[in-house]
């Protein structure tokens, strides 16, 4: 088990229901000429479809 007093502010992981997770892993994406922080989503297929629909709008 990790020590809760040793937190890394650049890494954040949220555990959701049904084993789903949202994680800021310190990675970046290059969008045009700018770097932007990346977010990792681990979701059930039905929830991933819902998120994709929201992002398309």
C-alpha atoms as a PDB file:
ATOM      1  CA  UNK A   1       0.000   0.000   0.000  1.00  0.00           C
ATOM      2  CA  UNK A   2       1.311   3.473  -0.819  1.00  0.00           C
ATOM      3  CA  UNK A   3       1.904   6.065   1.839  1.00  0.00           C
ATOM      4  CA  UNK A   4      -0.990   8.587   1.751  1.00  0.00           C
ATOM      5  CA  UNK A   5       1.355  11.316   2.979  1.00  0.00           C
ATOM      6  CA  UNK A   6       3.452  11.017  -0.205  1.00  0.00           C
ATOM      7  CA  UNK A   7       1.066  12.442  -2.769  1.00  0.00           C
ATOM      8  CA  UNK A   8       2.010  13.517  -6.261  1.00  0.00           C
ATOM      9  CA  UNK A   9       0.047  16.671  -7.183  1.00  0.00           C
ATOM     10  CA  UNK A  10       0.645  16.045 -10.904  1.00  0.00           C
ATOM     11  CA  UNK A  11      -1.105  12.663 -10.765  1.00  0.00           C
ATOM     12  CA  UNK A  12      -4.721  12.381  -9.778  1.00  0.00           C
ATOM     13  CA  UNK A  13      -6.832   9.229 -10.003  1.00  0.00           C
ATOM     14  CA  UNK A  14     -10.533   9.086  -9.239  1.00  0.00           C
ATOM     15  CA  UNK A  15     -12.103   5.663  -8.803  1.00  0.00           C
ATOM     16  CA  UNK A  16     -15.709   5.611  -9.967  1.00  0.00           C
ATOM     17  CA  UNK A  17     -18.375   2.933  -9.775  1.00  0.00           C
ATOM     18  CA  UNK A  18     -18.014  -0.370 -11.650  1.00  0.00           C
ATOM     19  CA  UNK A  19     -14.220  -0.150 -11.896  1.00  0.00           C
ATOM     20  CA  UNK A  20     -14.250   3.051 -13.935  1.00  0.00           C
ATOM     21  CA  UNK A  21     -11.448   5.580 -13.450  1.00  0.00           C
ATOM     22  CA  UNK A  22     -10.515   9.114 -14.372  1.00  0.00           C
ATOM     23  CA  UNK A  23      -6.779   9.806 -14.226  1.00  0.00           C
ATOM     24  CA  UNK A  24      -4.519  12.797 -14.797  1.00  0.00           C
ATOM     25  CA  UNK A  25      -1.257  11.028 -15.526  1.00  0.00           C
ATOM     26  CA  UNK A  26       1.057  13.956 -16.260  1.00  0.00           C
ATOM     27  CA  UNK A  27       1.020  13.228 -19.990  1.00  0.00           C
ATOM     28  CA  UNK A  28       0.453  15.845 -22.664  1.00  0.00           C
ATOM     29  CA  UNK A  29      -1.062  16.033 -26.135  1.00  0.00           C
ATOM     30  CA  UNK A  30       0.120  18.383 -28.854  1.00  0.00           C
ATOM     31  CA  UNK A  31      -2.809  20.330 -30.295  1.00  0.00           C
ATOM     32  CA  UNK A  32      -1.612  22.575 -33.087  1.00  0.00           C
ATOM     33  CA  UNK A  33       1.468  24.286 -31.692  1.00  0.00           C
ATOM     34  CA  UNK A  34       0.426  23.990 -28.034  1.00  0.00           C
ATOM     35  CA  UNK A  35       0.768  21.201 -25.500  1.00  0.00           C
ATOM     36  CA  UNK A  36      -2.288  20.354 -23.452  1.00  0.00           C
ATOM     37  CA  UNK A  37      -2.578  18.038 -20.414  1.00  0.00           C
ATOM     38  CA  UNK A  38      -4.087  14.633 -21.167  1.00  0.00           C
ATOM     39  CA  UNK A  39      -6.809  12.856 -19.228  1.00  0.00           C
ATOM     40  CA  UNK A  40      -7.206   9.073 -19.224  1.00  0.00           C
ATOM     41  CA  UNK A  41     -10.755   7.720 -18.939  1.00  0.00           C
ATOM     42  CA  UNK A  42     -11.367   4.040 -18.244  1.00  0.00           C
ATOM     43  CA  UNK A  43     -15.092   3.558 -18.714  1.00  0.00           C
ATOM     44  CA  UNK A  44     -17.676   0.911 -19.388  1.00  0.00           C
ATOM     45  CA  UNK A  45     -18.658   0.889 -23.085  1.00  0.00           C
ATOM     46  CA  UNK A  46     -22.113   2.361 -22.449  1.00  0.00           C
ATOM     47  CA  UNK A  47     -20.670   5.261 -20.458  1.00  0.00           C
ATOM     48  CA  UNK A  48     -17.920   5.844 -23.042  1.00  0.00           C
ATOM     49  CA  UNK A  49     -20.627   6.247 -25.721  1.00  0.00           C
ATOM     50  CA  UNK A  50     -22.428   8.811 -23.540  1.00  0.00           C
ATOM     51  CA  UNK A  51     -19.223  10.785 -22.981  1.00  0.00           C
ATOM     52  CA  UNK A  52     -18.417  10.660 -26.719  1.00  0.00           C
ATOM     53  CA  UNK A  53     -21.842  12.084 -27.560  1.00  0.00           C
ATOM     54  CA  UNK A  54     -21.352  14.954 -25.106  1.00  0.00           C
ATOM     55  CA  UNK A  55     -17.881  15.728 -26.480  1.00  0.00           C
ATOM     56  CA  UNK A  56     -19.175  15.785 -30.061  1.00  0.00           C
ATOM     57  CA  UNK A  57     -21.664  18.547 -29.266  1.00  0.00           C
END
